[in-house]
Amino acid sequence: MRKTKEQRIEQILKVGKDLLLQKGFAFTTKEIARSIGITETMIFHLFPGKKHIINAIYREHFSAIKTTASLPAQASEKNCADDLINYFFAFYRDARISKTPELLYLYALEKSAYKPDAASFKNTSARLAQTLEDYFTNGINNGVFKAFEPGVMAEMIHNVFFHLFFYNTLLMRKRISDTELKNKISAFIEIFLAGIQNSG
């Protein structure tokens, strides 16, 4: 049965992503074509070049990022530390399973000729931070947090978490245990909340 254009694109991106994780930017469109059983010409009919395939892989992957964790609609002073710790712990675990660290590492390679448009990740980062922003907005409205700008708070905590993520998983090539990860997240959350919680 002949595949639709959408099905063929899905095939190309799936194989391309596997090759990107295996070989980095050294994979070729010929390898994709051979793996799928199509001609390289057909790939170029759908994608002008390898850079466009890589950009599409990033867009598809990062737009699908989600976490099994959620933050309660109501922020309370009693539970907010545990809420945030569980949220980031689940995000780290899910991202690790989906190979996001490796793709983020490839994305961040400044010297690569195939570095994708920064918007590919910025849009996703903003979307992920929205959950935090909503949580902080609610906490400010309930008097749990000081009246800082919720978007700034969300961006800061999100970016610091990604620094932790990069440092341990990519730069140190270290698979930290769940206990160690929770301890690191807890230490950061404790410092963060000390600066934004109302004292009474």
Foldseek 3Di string as FASTA:
>chain_A
DDDDPVVVLVQLLVVLVVCCLVPNPPDALCVSCVVVVHDSVVVCVNPVGPLRSLQVNLLVVLVPQDFPQAADLADDLVCNLVNQLVRLLRSLVVCVVVVVLSSVVSLPPPPDPSNYDPCSNVVSLLVVLVRQLSHVVNCCVVQFWPPDRSSVLSSVLSVVSVVVSCVACPVVVHDDDSVVSSVVSSVVSVVSSVVIGDPD
